[in-house]
């Protein structure tokens, strides 16, 4: 075993002696025990400790940054004391139970105001409360106001067992919190993946009606699923309930610039806003289709061509894709005007999802696609 670890109880739990105070305090905060209400389950253990070890007082003491706070008190009326005069501060740094038989004769505590004044502590024994993660959060301690001659192995065993029981309650709470959080995450994943599966199912159905050859069918389906997966990852990152329109557009369209060098897709940066997951899925499909079309038939497929995606919200939301071709291509108008699965996305799926209408303007040297949208169908703020 590394010297950084020291065994603290016969159950095999260990405390990391090299663990930082910041980590310890973070672990303590995450228990949500500080300043919480009294609980009988903890009071039962302090009562049992005092009665079993024949002391006036027993405490579950949690050592905070500048204080020790008592989750449970038996035979003591206070709720906290300053950490700089705390016996428990020393106890959490000990490898095992810390015993002070007569505080007036211990150089660490002889001048302590809790010894020289009220409540005139003389005897102290504290077992560190070390979680399964190795954090010493505080102690289960017993106090008396008269010195003791001894605190034998049986006494230590009782205190250690009761401290283990306190830790068991703390670890149980942590496991319950983790289970609750996992349950929430699981429900959210089911919801998010349900949306994803619905979109994929719709794509398969639409592609099936598009009369495509097998290889093209597989290729188009893979492209769209990849676009949806990118959107899903954006939404899922950090547990977000929405995604930035700028961030979504930049990441979706980044693939069309890789290695090209000259063709550039410019994405508007000002007036950014968050859109809902449903709108984000439709938006990613729309942008991916526009990018594919531009590479095959438009500005991004020729030298010097540029494309720009932006939005406006003066009276109604509008999203626009504009292409400029330095060298007009005769086949661009005809191919872009043709029907097919891409046309279904641009003319039906996106407008229907957004609650608006789509317009296309094709010129020899330019291409413009615009779609309007109802704010309540797109803006995350409208659904908050």
Protein backbone atom coordinates (compact mmCIF):
# COMPACT_ATOMS: atom_id res chain seq x y z
CA UNK A 1 0.00 0.00 0.00
CA UNK A 2 1.25 3.48 -0.87
CA UNK A 3 2.46 5.69 1.96
CA UNK A 4 -0.12 8.20 0.77
CA UNK A 5 -2.77 5.93 2.24
CA UNK A 6 -3.24 4.92 5.86
CA UNK A 7 -5.67 2.33 7.19
CA UNK A 8 -8.08 3.82 9.69
CA UNK A 9 -10.35 0.99 10.72
CA UNK A 10 -10.48 -2.76 10.65
CA UNK A 11 -13.16 -2.72 7.92
CA UNK A 12 -10.38 -1.80 5.51
CA UNK A 13 -11.47 1.76 4.74
CA UNK A 14 -8.60 4.16 4.23
CA UNK A 15 -8.07 7.88 4.40
CA UNK A 16 -5.78 9.59 1.95
CA UNK A 17 -3.24 11.58 3.90
CA UNK A 18 -2.26 13.47 0.73
CA UNK A 19 -5.82 14.54 -0.08
CA UNK A 20 -6.15 18.31 -0.27
CA UNK A 21 -8.31 20.31 2.08
CA UNK A 22 -10.19 21.62 -0.96
CA UNK A 23 -11.19 18.11 -1.96
CA UNK A 24 -12.25 17.28 1.59
CA UNK A 25 -14.40 20.40 1.92
CA UNK A 26 -15.97 19.76 -1.47
CA UNK A 27 -16.90 16.24 -0.40
CA UNK A 28 -18.36 17.60 2.85
CA UNK A 29 -20.42 20.19 0.99
CA UNK A 30 -21.78 17.56 -1.39
CA UNK A 31 -23.29 15.61 1.52
CA UNK A 32 -25.73 18.49 2.10
CA UNK A 33 -25.48 17.79 5.84
CA UNK A 34 -24.08 21.15 6.95
CA UNK A 35 -26.78 23.27 8.63
CA UNK A 36 -29.39 20.58 8.00
CA UNK A 37 -32.16 19.65 10.44
CA UNK A 38 -31.67 17.28 13.35
CA UNK A 39 -32.31 13.64 12.44
CA UNK A 40 -33.20 10.83 14.79
CA UNK A 41 -31.04 8.34 12.90
CA UNK A 42 -27.92 10.33 13.86
CA UNK A 43 -29.23 11.20 17.33
CA UNK A 44 -29.73 7.52 18.02
CA UNK A 45 -26.03 6.86 17.43
CA UNK A 46 -24.76 9.73 19.60
CA UNK A 47 -27.11 8.65 22.36
CA UNK A 48 -25.84 5.09 22.08
CA UNK A 49 -22.21 6.27 22.08
CA UNK A 50 -22.66 8.34 25.26
CA UNK A 51 -24.51 5.57 27.08
CA UNK A 52 -22.16 2.78 25.96
CA UNK A 53 -18.98 4.68 26.80
CA UNK A 54 -20.40 6.36 29.92
CA UNK A 55 -19.71 9.94 28.90
CA UNK A 56 -21.71 13.11 29.39
CA UNK A 57 -21.61 14.13 25.74
CA UNK A 58 -21.42 12.59 22.27
CA UNK A 59 -21.35 14.50 19.00
CA UNK A 60 -21.40 13.94 15.25
CA UNK A 61 -19.07 16.79 14.37
CA UNK A 62 -18.50 17.94 10.78
CA UNK A 63 -15.34 19.99 10.28
CA UNK A 64 -16.01 22.89 7.92
CA UNK A 65 -13.48 25.45 6.67
CA UNK A 66 -13.69 27.69 9.75
CA UNK A 67 -15.96 25.87 12.16
CA UNK A 68 -17.04 22.50 13.42
CA UNK A 69 -20.78 22.02 13.11
CA UNK A 70 -22.71 19.39 15.03
CA UNK A 71 -25.13 17.27 13.05
CA UNK A 72 -26.12 15.52 16.26
CA UNK A 73 -25.58 16.43 19.92
CA UNK A 74 -26.22 14.40 23.04
CA UNK A 75 -25.64 16.23 26.31
CA UNK A 76 -24.53 19.46 24.63
CA UNK A 77 -26.62 22.51 23.77
CA UNK A 78 -24.45 24.23 21.17
CA UNK A 79 -24.58 23.75 17.39
CA UNK A 80 -21.03 24.72 16.42
CA UNK A 81 -17.69 26.05 17.62
CA UNK A 82 -14.77 27.74 15.90
CA UNK A 83 -12.50 25.33 14.08
CA UNK A 84 -9.32 26.86 15.48
CA UNK A 85 -10.20 25.60 18.98
CA UNK A 86 -11.70 22.34 17.79
CA UNK A 87 -10.47 18.99 19.11
CA UNK A 88 -11.98 17.36 16.02
CA UNK A 89 -9.65 19.26 13.68
CA UNK A 90 -6.82 17.24 15.19
CA UNK A 91 -8.88 14.04 15.16
CA UNK A 92 -9.56 14.07 11.41
CA UNK A 93 -5.83 14.25 10.80
CA UNK A 94 -5.15 11.22 13.01
CA UNK A 95 -4.73 7.75 11.48
CA UNK A 96 -7.13 6.25 14.04
CA UNK A 97 -9.12 7.22 17.12
CA UNK A 98 -7.65 10.19 18.95
CA UNK A 99 -7.86 9.96 22.73
CA UNK A 100 -7.15 12.75 25.24
CA UNK A 101 -7.48 11.39 28.78
CA UNK A 102 -6.85 14.75 30.50
CA UNK A 103 -6.88 17.85 28.32
CA UNK A 104 -5.24 19.96 31.03
CA UNK A 105 -2.11 17.81 30.71
CA UNK A 106 -2.03 17.74 26.88
CA UNK A 107 0.12 20.58 25.45
CA UNK A 108 -2.19 20.80 22.40
CA UNK A 109 -5.24 21.63 24.52
CA UNK A 110 -4.12 22.83 27.95
CA UNK A 111 -4.71 26.49 26.97
CA UNK A 112 -7.78 25.79 24.81
CA UNK A 113 -10.73 28.02 25.86
CA UNK A 114 -12.99 24.95 25.82
CA UNK A 115 -10.71 23.48 28.48
CA UNK A 116 -9.93 26.57 30.55
CA UNK A 117 -13.52 27.79 30.32
CA UNK A 118 -17.01 26.49 29.61
CA UNK A 119 -17.71 23.63 29.13
CA UNK A 120 -14.35 22.66 30.80
CA UNK A 121 -13.60 19.64 28.64
CA UNK A 122 -11.26 17.13 30.24
CA UNK A 123 -11.72 13.88 28.35
CA UNK A 124 -12.08 13.52 24.58
CA UNK A 125 -12.14 10.55 22.18
CA UNK A 126 -12.87 11.04 18.49
CA UNK A 127 -13.13 8.58 15.62
CA UNK A 128 -12.75 10.16 12.16
CA UNK A 129 -15.72 9.79 9.82
CA UNK A 130 -14.04 8.58 6.65
CA UNK A 131 -16.22 7.96 3.62
CA UNK A 132 -15.75 5.21 1.08
CA UNK A 133 -13.96 7.79 -1.09
CA UNK A 134 -11.38 8.45 1.63
CA UNK A 135 -12.63 11.84 2.81
CA UNK A 136 -12.42 12.56 6.56
CA UNK A 137 -15.50 14.72 6.99
CA UNK A 138 -15.54 15.00 10.77
CA UNK A 139 -15.78 12.75 13.81
CA UNK A 140 -18.02 10.81 16.10
CA UNK A 141 -16.65 11.99 19.42
CA UNK A 142 -17.41 11.55 23.10
CA UNK A 143 -16.59 14.17 25.76
CA UNK A 144 -16.51 14.29 29.51
CA UNK A 145 -15.83 16.99 32.04
CA UNK A 146 -13.60 14.95 34.28
CA UNK A 147 -10.39 13.12 33.34
CA UNK A 148 -10.34 9.40 32.69
CA UNK A 149 -7.73 6.90 33.66
CA UNK A 150 -8.06 4.83 30.50
CA UNK A 151 -9.90 4.28 27.24
CA UNK A 152 -9.24 0.63 26.49
CA UNK A 153 -9.44 -1.49 23.36
CA UNK A 154 -13.08 -2.41 23.99
CA UNK A 155 -13.99 1.27 24.29
CA UNK A 156 -12.13 2.02 21.07
CA UNK A 157 -13.90 -0.83 19.30
CA UNK A 158 -17.32 0.49 20.36
CA UNK A 159 -16.52 4.02 19.21
CA UNK A 160 -15.05 2.78 15.95
CA UNK A 161 -18.12 0.62 15.21
CA UNK A 162 -20.49 3.49 15.92
CA UNK A 163 -18.42 5.82 13.72
CA UNK A 164 -18.68 3.24 10.94
CA UNK A 165 -22.46 3.35 11.39
CA UNK A 166 -22.46 7.15 11.01
CA UNK A 167 -20.38 6.82 7.83
CA UNK A 168 -22.84 4.18 6.61
CA UNK A 169 -25.67 6.70 6.88
CA UNK A 170 -23.65 9.32 4.99
CA UNK A 171 -22.63 6.89 2.23
CA UNK A 172 -26.22 5.66 1.96
CA UNK A 173 -27.40 9.23 1.38
CA UNK A 174 -24.76 9.62 -1.31
CA UNK A 175 -25.88 6.44 -3.07
CA UNK A 176 -29.52 7.57 -2.93
CA UNK A 177 -28.54 10.93 -4.47
CA UNK A 178 -26.59 9.18 -7.21
CA UNK A 179 -29.54 6.87 -7.94
CA UNK A 180 -31.87 9.86 -8.10
CA UNK A 181 -29.52 11.71 -10.47
CA UNK A 182 -29.13 8.62 -12.66
CA UNK A 183 -32.89 8.27 -12.80
CA UNK A 184 -33.24 11.85 -14.01
CA UNK A 185 -30.47 11.33 -16.57
CA UNK A 186 -32.08 8.09 -17.75
CA UNK A 187 -35.46 9.77 -18.26
CA UNK A 188 -33.78 12.63 -20.14
CA UNK A 189 -31.85 10.21 -22.36
CA UNK A 190 -35.03 8.31 -23.12
CA UNK A 191 -36.70 11.58 -24.11
CA UNK A 192 -33.74 12.78 -26.19
CA UNK A 193 -33.17 9.44 -27.89
CA UNK A 194 -36.90 9.10 -28.51
CA UNK A 195 -36.74 12.33 -30.49
CA UNK A 196 -33.67 11.07 -32.32
CA UNK A 197 -35.31 7.76 -33.23
CA UNK A 198 -38.42 9.59 -34.45
CA UNK A 199 -36.32 11.73 -36.77
CA UNK A 200 -34.39 8.72 -38.08
CA UNK A 201 -37.64 6.83 -38.65
CA UNK A 202 -39.03 9.76 -40.63
CA UNK A 203 -35.83 9.98 -42.68
CA UNK A 204 -35.98 6.29 -43.55
CA UNK A 205 -39.62 6.61 -44.58
CA UNK A 206 -38.94 9.65 -46.77
CA UNK A 207 -35.87 8.12 -48.37
CA UNK A 208 -37.80 4.96 -49.11
CA UNK A 209 -40.26 7.03 -51.14
CA UNK A 210 -37.49 8.85 -52.99
CA UNK A 211 -36.83 5.95 -55.39
CA UNK A 212 -33.08 5.96 -54.79
CA UNK A 213 -30.60 3.27 -55.73
CA UNK A 214 -29.41 1.15 -52.82
CA UNK A 215 -25.94 2.70 -52.53
CA UNK A 216 -27.29 6.23 -52.75
CA UNK A 217 -30.03 5.35 -50.24
CA UNK A 218 -27.46 4.12 -47.72
CA UNK A 219 -25.17 7.09 -48.36
CA UNK A 220 -27.93 9.67 -47.92
CA UNK A 221 -29.26 7.98 -44.78
CA UNK A 222 -25.78 7.89 -43.25
CA UNK A 223 -25.27 11.57 -44.02
CA UNK A 224 -28.51 12.58 -42.33
CA UNK A 225 -28.03 10.37 -39.28
CA UNK A 226 -24.53 11.82 -38.83
CA UNK A 227 -25.98 15.32 -38.99
CA UNK A 228 -28.56 14.41 -36.35
CA UNK A 229 -25.89 12.80 -34.18
CA UNK A 230 -23.85 16.01 -34.26
CA UNK A 231 -26.87 17.99 -33.12
CA UNK A 232 -27.62 15.45 -30.40
CA UNK A 233 -24.07 15.77 -29.05
CA UNK A 234 -24.36 19.56 -28.97
CA UNK A 235 -27.62 19.43 -27.05
CA UNK A 236 -26.41 16.73 -24.67
CA UNK A 237 -23.17 18.51 -23.76
CA UNK A 238 -23.41 19.97 -20.28
CA UNK A 239 -27.02 18.80 -19.91
CA UNK A 240 -28.30 21.63 -22.08
CA UNK A 241 -31.96 22.10 -22.91
CA UNK A 242 -31.19 24.20 -25.98
CA UNK A 243 -28.38 25.03 -28.39
CA UNK A 244 -26.96 28.23 -29.84
CA UNK A 245 -28.03 28.80 -33.45
CA UNK A 246 -24.53 30.11 -34.23
CA UNK A 247 -22.79 27.12 -32.63
CA UNK A 248 -25.10 24.64 -34.37
CA UNK A 249 -24.57 26.29 -37.76
CA UNK A 250 -20.79 26.54 -37.40
CA UNK A 251 -20.36 22.91 -36.39
CA UNK A 252 -22.77 21.56 -39.00
CA UNK A 253 -21.21 23.54 -41.83
CA UNK A 254 -17.58 23.02 -40.75
CA UNK A 255 -17.47 19.75 -42.71
CA UNK A 256 -17.92 21.60 -45.99
CA UNK A 257 -14.75 23.65 -45.45
CA UNK A 258 -12.39 20.84 -44.49
CA UNK A 259 -9.40 20.88 -46.83
CA UNK A 260 -11.09 23.17 -49.32
CA UNK A 261 -9.20 26.33 -48.44
CA UNK A 262 -10.93 28.73 -50.83
CA UNK A 263 -14.70 28.11 -50.52
CA UNK A 264 -15.87 29.59 -47.25
CA UNK A 265 -19.20 29.32 -45.42
CA UNK A 266 -19.73 32.42 -43.32
CA UNK A 267 -22.04 32.15 -40.32
CA UNK A 268 -23.58 35.21 -38.73
CA UNK A 269 -22.19 35.88 -35.25
CA UNK A 270 -24.25 38.78 -33.96
CA UNK A 271 -27.73 38.43 -32.38
CA UNK A 272 -27.13 34.80 -31.43
CA UNK A 273 -29.94 32.98 -29.61
CA UNK A 274 -30.84 29.54 -28.28
CA UNK A 275 -33.18 27.20 -30.15
CA UNK A 276 -35.08 24.14 -28.95
CA UNK A 277 -33.87 20.56 -29.54
CA UNK A 278 -36.69 19.91 -32.01
CA UNK A 279 -35.84 23.03 -34.02
CA UNK A 280 -32.12 22.14 -33.82
CA UNK A 281 -32.69 18.74 -35.42
CA UNK A 282 -34.60 20.27 -38.33
CA UNK A 283 -32.06 23.07 -38.64
CA UNK A 284 -29.14 20.63 -38.85
CA UNK A 285 -30.87 18.66 -41.60
CA UNK A 286 -31.63 21.86 -43.50
CA UNK A 287 -28.07 23.20 -43.26
CA UNK A 288 -26.54 19.86 -44.16
CA UNK A 289 -28.72 19.61 -47.26
CA UNK A 290 -27.89 23.17 -48.30
CA UNK A 291 -24.19 22.43 -47.87
CA UNK A 292 -24.38 19.21 -49.88
CA UNK A 293 -26.28 20.95 -52.67
CA UNK A 294 -23.78 23.80 -52.73
CA UNK A 295 -20.83 21.42 -53.05
CA UNK A 296 -22.49 19.43 -55.82
CA UNK A 297 -24.16 22.16 -57.81
CA UNK A 298 -23.36 25.60 -56.41
CA UNK A 299 -20.90 28.02 -54.88
CA UNK A 300 -18.93 25.58 -52.76
CA UNK A 301 -18.24 23.38 -55.75
CA UNK A 302 -16.47 26.03 -57.80
CA UNK A 303 -13.49 28.31 -57.38
CA UNK A 304 -14.15 31.61 -55.64
CA UNK A 305 -17.67 30.68 -54.58
CA UNK A 306 -18.94 31.74 -51.16
CA UNK A 307 -21.93 30.97 -49.01
CA UNK A 308 -23.40 32.70 -46.00
CA UNK A 309 -25.96 31.64 -43.39
CA UNK A 310 -27.73 34.19 -41.21
CA UNK A 311 -30.96 35.18 -39.52
CA UNK A 312 -33.13 38.16 -38.64
CA UNK A 313 -35.95 38.73 -36.19
CA UNK A 314 -37.43 42.11 -36.98
CA UNK A 315 -41.10 41.14 -37.20
CA UNK A 316 -40.77 37.39 -37.72
CA UNK A 317 -37.88 34.98 -37.59
CA UNK A 318 -36.18 34.40 -40.93
CA UNK A 319 -33.24 32.14 -41.72
CA UNK A 320 -31.37 32.68 -44.97
CA UNK A 321 -28.75 30.84 -47.00
CA UNK A 322 -27.09 32.89 -49.74
CA UNK A 323 -24.56 31.74 -52.34
CA UNK A 324 -22.48 33.78 -54.71
CA UNK A 325 -20.78 32.21 -57.77
CA UNK A 326 -18.01 34.07 -59.56
CA UNK A 327 -18.42 31.73 -62.53
CA UNK A 328 -22.09 30.95 -63.26
CA UNK A 329 -22.73 27.25 -63.75
CA UNK A 330 -25.43 26.36 -66.25
CA UNK A 331 -26.40 23.15 -64.51
CA UNK A 332 -26.93 24.77 -61.13
CA UNK A 333 -30.44 26.11 -61.73
CA UNK A 334 -31.78 22.94 -63.23
CA UNK A 335 -30.37 20.61 -60.62
CA UNK A 336 -31.36 22.77 -57.68
CA UNK A 337 -34.90 23.04 -59.03
CA UNK A 338 -35.31 19.27 -59.24
CA UNK A 339 -37.33 17.40 -56.63
CA UNK A 340 -36.06 14.59 -54.45
CA UNK A 341 -35.30 13.96 -50.83
CA UNK A 342 -33.26 17.13 -50.38
CA UNK A 343 -36.14 19.12 -51.76
CA UNK A 344 -38.46 17.49 -49.20
CA UNK A 345 -36.22 18.66 -46.36
CA UNK A 346 -35.97 22.23 -47.66
CA UNK A 347 -39.57 22.64 -48.83
CA UNK A 348 -41.50 20.56 -46.31
CA UNK A 349 -39.64 19.33 -43.23
CA UNK A 350 -37.89 22.56 -42.20
CA UNK A 351 -40.84 24.91 -42.88
CA UNK A 352 -43.31 22.55 -41.17
CA UNK A 353 -41.12 22.22 -38.09
CA UNK A 354 -40.56 25.97 -37.89
CA UNK A 355 -44.21 26.84 -38.58
CA UNK A 356 -43.25 29.03 -41.54
CA UNK A 357 -42.73 29.04 -45.29
CA UNK A 358 -39.72 28.52 -47.53
CA UNK A 359 -38.72 30.50 -50.61
CA UNK A 360 -36.02 29.82 -53.20
CA UNK A 361 -34.50 32.36 -55.59
CA UNK A 362 -32.15 30.88 -58.21
CA UNK A 363 -30.11 33.11 -60.50
CA UNK A 364 -27.16 32.25 -62.81
CA UNK A 365 -24.67 33.73 -60.34
CA UNK A 366 -26.52 33.32 -57.07
CA UNK A 367 -28.75 31.11 -54.99
CA UNK A 368 -30.90 32.20 -52.04
CA UNK A 369 -32.96 30.01 -49.74
CA UNK A 370 -35.04 31.58 -46.95
CA UNK A 371 -37.43 30.09 -44.43
CA UNK A 372 -39.62 31.92 -41.95
CA UNK A 373 -40.38 30.63 -38.45
CA UNK A 374 -42.74 31.17 -35.56
CA UNK A 375 -40.80 32.17 -32.43
CA UNK A 376 -42.74 29.71 -30.27
CA UNK A 377 -41.66 26.87 -32.57
CA UNK A 378 -37.95 27.74 -32.50
CA UNK A 379 -36.84 29.94 -29.61
CA UNK A 380 -35.92 28.19 -26.39
CA UNK A 381 -36.86 31.35 -24.47
CA UNK A 382 -40.42 31.12 -25.78
CA UNK A 383 -40.82 27.70 -24.14
CA UNK A 384 -39.18 28.52 -20.83
